[in-house]
Amino acid sequence: MGTMRLLKPLVVSVSSLFFVALSGFAHGFVMTPRSLINRLSQSSYYLTTKELWFDQTLDHYSPYVILPF
């Protein structure tokens, strides 16, 4: 009788944890066709198609660069 009293909360918590995990897993597969098209379209990945290039300066110390003082 004592072990049955201890097992009931354990079974309830494990089954509710399984239910939450399963519902979150299934939610990833449920997708409307519009959102699927938006995910697959290349233009939705970038804000612009114009290429902008900037000069890069390193602002950290490099142990491989030896500068004379």
N, C-alpha and C. Protein backbone atom coordinates (compact mmCIF):
# COMPACT_ATOMS: atom_id res chain seq x y z
N MET A 1 0.82 -1.19 0.00
CA MET A 1 0.00 0.00 0.00
C MET A 1 0.87 1.26 0.00
N GLY A 2 2.01 1.23 0.72
CA GLY A 2 2.88 2.40 0.81
C GLY A 2 3.58 2.69 -0.50
N THR A 3 4.01 1.62 -1.21
CA THR A 3 4.69 1.85 -2.49
C THR A 3 3.72 2.33 -3.54
N MET A 4 2.47 1.90 -3.46
CA MET A 4 1.47 2.36 -4.42
C MET A 4 1.21 3.85 -4.24
N ARG A 5 1.25 4.31 -3.00
CA ARG A 5 1.04 5.72 -2.72
C ARG A 5 2.20 6.56 -3.27
N LEU A 6 3.41 6.01 -3.27
CA LEU A 6 4.58 6.71 -3.79
C LEU A 6 4.65 6.66 -5.31
N LEU A 7 4.15 5.60 -5.91
CA LEU A 7 4.23 5.44 -7.35
C LEU A 7 3.23 6.31 -8.10
N LYS A 8 2.10 6.60 -7.50
CA LYS A 8 1.07 7.36 -8.20
C LYS A 8 1.55 8.76 -8.60
N PRO A 9 2.17 9.56 -7.72
CA PRO A 9 2.67 10.87 -8.16
C PRO A 9 3.78 10.75 -9.21
N LEU A 10 4.58 9.71 -9.12
CA LEU A 10 5.64 9.50 -10.09
C LEU A 10 5.07 9.20 -11.47
N VAL A 11 4.06 8.35 -11.53
CA VAL A 11 3.43 8.01 -12.80
C VAL A 11 2.73 9.23 -13.39
N VAL A 12 2.08 10.01 -12.57
CA VAL A 12 1.39 11.21 -13.05
C VAL A 12 2.39 12.22 -13.58
N SER A 13 3.50 12.43 -12.88
CA SER A 13 4.48 13.42 -13.34
C SER A 13 5.20 12.96 -14.60
N VAL A 14 5.52 11.67 -14.70
CA VAL A 14 6.18 11.16 -15.91
C VAL A 14 5.24 11.22 -17.10
N SER A 15 3.98 10.87 -16.91
CA SER A 15 3.04 10.90 -18.02
C SER A 15 2.75 12.33 -18.47
N SER A 16 2.67 13.28 -17.54
CA SER A 16 2.45 14.66 -17.96
C SER A 16 3.69 15.23 -18.63
N LEU A 17 4.88 14.84 -18.20
CA LEU A 17 6.10 15.27 -18.87
C LEU A 17 6.16 14.70 -20.28
N PHE A 18 5.77 13.46 -20.45
CA PHE A 18 5.72 12.83 -21.77
C PHE A 18 4.72 13.55 -22.67
N PHE A 19 3.58 13.91 -22.13
CA PHE A 19 2.56 14.61 -22.91
C PHE A 19 3.05 15.98 -23.38
N VAL A 20 3.71 16.72 -22.50
CA VAL A 20 4.23 18.04 -22.86
C VAL A 20 5.31 17.90 -23.93
N ALA A 21 6.19 16.92 -23.78
CA ALA A 21 7.25 16.72 -24.78
C ALA A 21 6.66 16.29 -26.11
N LEU A 22 5.66 15.44 -26.10
CA LEU A 22 5.05 14.97 -27.34
C LEU A 22 4.30 16.09 -28.04
N SER A 23 3.61 16.94 -27.30
CA SER A 23 2.88 18.03 -27.94
C SER A 23 3.84 19.05 -28.53
N GLY A 24 4.96 19.31 -27.88
CA GLY A 24 5.95 20.22 -28.44
C GLY A 24 6.62 19.65 -29.66
N PHE A 25 6.84 18.35 -29.68
CA PHE A 25 7.45 17.68 -30.83
C PHE A 25 6.50 17.69 -32.02
N ALA A 26 5.22 17.44 -31.77
CA ALA A 26 4.25 17.41 -32.86
C ALA A 26 3.98 18.81 -33.40
N HIS A 27 4.13 19.82 -32.58
CA HIS A 27 3.89 21.20 -33.03
C HIS A 27 4.89 21.60 -34.10
N GLY A 28 6.09 21.05 -34.08
CA GLY A 28 7.08 21.37 -35.09
C GLY A 28 6.71 20.86 -36.47
N PHE A 29 5.91 19.83 -36.54
CA PHE A 29 5.53 19.26 -37.83
C PHE A 29 4.26 19.89 -38.40
N VAL A 30 3.50 20.57 -37.57
CA VAL A 30 2.27 21.19 -38.03
C VAL A 30 2.63 22.59 -38.53
N MET A 31 2.53 22.78 -39.83
CA MET A 31 2.91 24.05 -40.42
C MET A 31 1.93 24.38 -41.53
N THR A 32 1.49 25.60 -41.57
CA THR A 32 0.60 26.00 -42.65
C THR A 32 1.39 26.08 -43.95
N PRO A 33 0.76 25.87 -45.09
CA PRO A 33 1.48 25.93 -46.35
C PRO A 33 2.14 27.29 -46.59
N ARG A 34 1.50 28.36 -46.12
CA ARG A 34 2.07 29.69 -46.34
C ARG A 34 3.40 29.85 -45.59
N SER A 35 3.44 29.39 -44.35
CA SER A 35 4.69 29.51 -43.59
C SER A 35 5.76 28.58 -44.15
N LEU A 36 5.34 27.46 -44.72
CA LEU A 36 6.30 26.55 -45.34
C LEU A 36 6.92 27.20 -46.57
N ILE A 37 6.10 27.88 -47.36
CA ILE A 37 6.61 28.57 -48.56
C ILE A 37 7.54 29.70 -48.14
N ASN A 38 7.18 30.44 -47.10
CA ASN A 38 8.04 31.52 -46.63
C ASN A 38 9.37 30.99 -46.12
N ARG A 39 9.36 29.83 -45.50
CA ARG A 39 10.61 29.26 -45.01
C ARG A 39 11.50 28.81 -46.15
N LEU A 40 10.90 28.32 -47.22
CA LEU A 40 11.69 27.79 -48.32
C LEU A 40 12.12 28.86 -49.31
N SER A 41 11.46 30.01 -49.31
CA SER A 41 11.82 31.05 -50.27
C SER A 41 13.13 31.70 -49.85
N GLN A 42 13.97 31.96 -50.82
CA GLN A 42 15.29 32.48 -50.52
C GLN A 42 15.24 33.94 -50.10
N SER A 43 14.28 34.69 -50.59
CA SER A 43 14.23 36.11 -50.29
C SER A 43 13.88 36.39 -48.83
N SER A 44 13.29 35.45 -48.14
CA SER A 44 12.94 35.70 -46.75
C SER A 44 14.14 35.57 -45.82
N TYR A 45 15.27 35.07 -46.32
CA TYR A 45 16.44 34.92 -45.48
C TYR A 45 17.19 36.24 -45.29
N TYR A 46 17.08 37.16 -46.23
CA TYR A 46 17.88 38.37 -46.22
C TYR A 46 16.98 39.61 -46.22
N LEU A 47 17.49 40.70 -45.66
CA LEU A 47 16.74 41.95 -45.67
C LEU A 47 16.86 42.66 -47.01
N THR A 48 17.98 42.47 -47.71
CA THR A 48 18.20 43.14 -48.98
C THR A 48 19.01 42.22 -49.90
N THR A 49 18.96 42.52 -51.18
CA THR A 49 19.78 41.76 -52.14
C THR A 49 21.00 42.56 -52.56
N LYS A 50 21.11 43.80 -52.07
CA LYS A 50 22.24 44.65 -52.41
C LYS A 50 23.46 44.25 -51.57
N GLU A 51 24.61 44.07 -52.24
CA GLU A 51 25.83 43.68 -51.54
C GLU A 51 26.56 44.92 -51.04
N LEU A 52 26.85 44.95 -49.76
CA LEU A 52 27.59 46.04 -49.16
C LEU A 52 28.86 45.48 -48.53
N TRP A 53 30.00 46.07 -48.86
CA TRP A 53 31.28 45.59 -48.35
C TRP A 53 31.91 46.68 -47.50
N PHE A 54 32.45 46.30 -46.39
CA PHE A 54 33.10 47.24 -45.49
C PHE A 54 34.52 46.77 -45.22
N ASP A 55 35.41 47.74 -44.94
CA ASP A 55 36.77 47.38 -44.53
C ASP A 55 36.71 46.83 -43.11
N GLN A 56 37.46 45.77 -42.90
CA GLN A 56 37.46 45.15 -41.58
C GLN A 56 38.75 45.49 -40.86
N THR A 57 38.63 45.98 -39.66
CA THR A 57 39.80 46.21 -38.83
C THR A 57 39.70 45.30 -37.62
N LEU A 58 40.83 44.74 -37.26
CA LEU A 58 40.85 43.84 -36.11
C LEU A 58 41.02 44.67 -34.84
N ASP A 59 40.19 44.44 -33.89
CA ASP A 59 40.27 45.20 -32.64
C ASP A 59 40.62 44.30 -31.46
N HIS A 60 41.36 43.25 -31.72
CA HIS A 60 41.77 42.37 -30.64
C HIS A 60 43.25 42.06 -30.78
N TYR A 61 43.83 41.62 -29.70
CA TYR A 61 45.25 41.30 -29.68
C TYR A 61 45.49 39.95 -30.35
N SER A 62 46.48 39.90 -31.21
CA SER A 62 46.86 38.64 -31.84
C SER A 62 48.28 38.29 -31.41
N PRO A 63 48.50 37.13 -30.85
CA PRO A 63 49.85 36.76 -30.43
C PRO A 63 50.77 36.45 -31.61
N TYR A 64 50.24 36.36 -32.79
CA TYR A 64 51.04 36.01 -33.96
C TYR A 64 51.59 37.24 -34.68
N VAL A 65 51.09 38.41 -34.37
CA VAL A 65 51.58 39.63 -35.00
C VAL A 65 52.59 40.28 -34.06
N ILE A 66 53.83 40.44 -34.53
CA ILE A 66 54.88 41.04 -33.71
C ILE A 66 55.14 42.44 -34.25
N LEU A 67 54.84 43.43 -33.45
CA LEU A 67 55.03 44.82 -33.85
C LEU A 67 56.22 45.40 -33.09
N PRO A 68 57.10 46.12 -33.79
CA PRO A 68 58.24 46.74 -33.07
C PRO A 68 57.75 47.95 -32.26
N PHE A 69 58.33 48.12 -31.08
CA PHE A 69 57.95 49.25 -30.21
C PHE A 69 58.94 50.36 -30.32
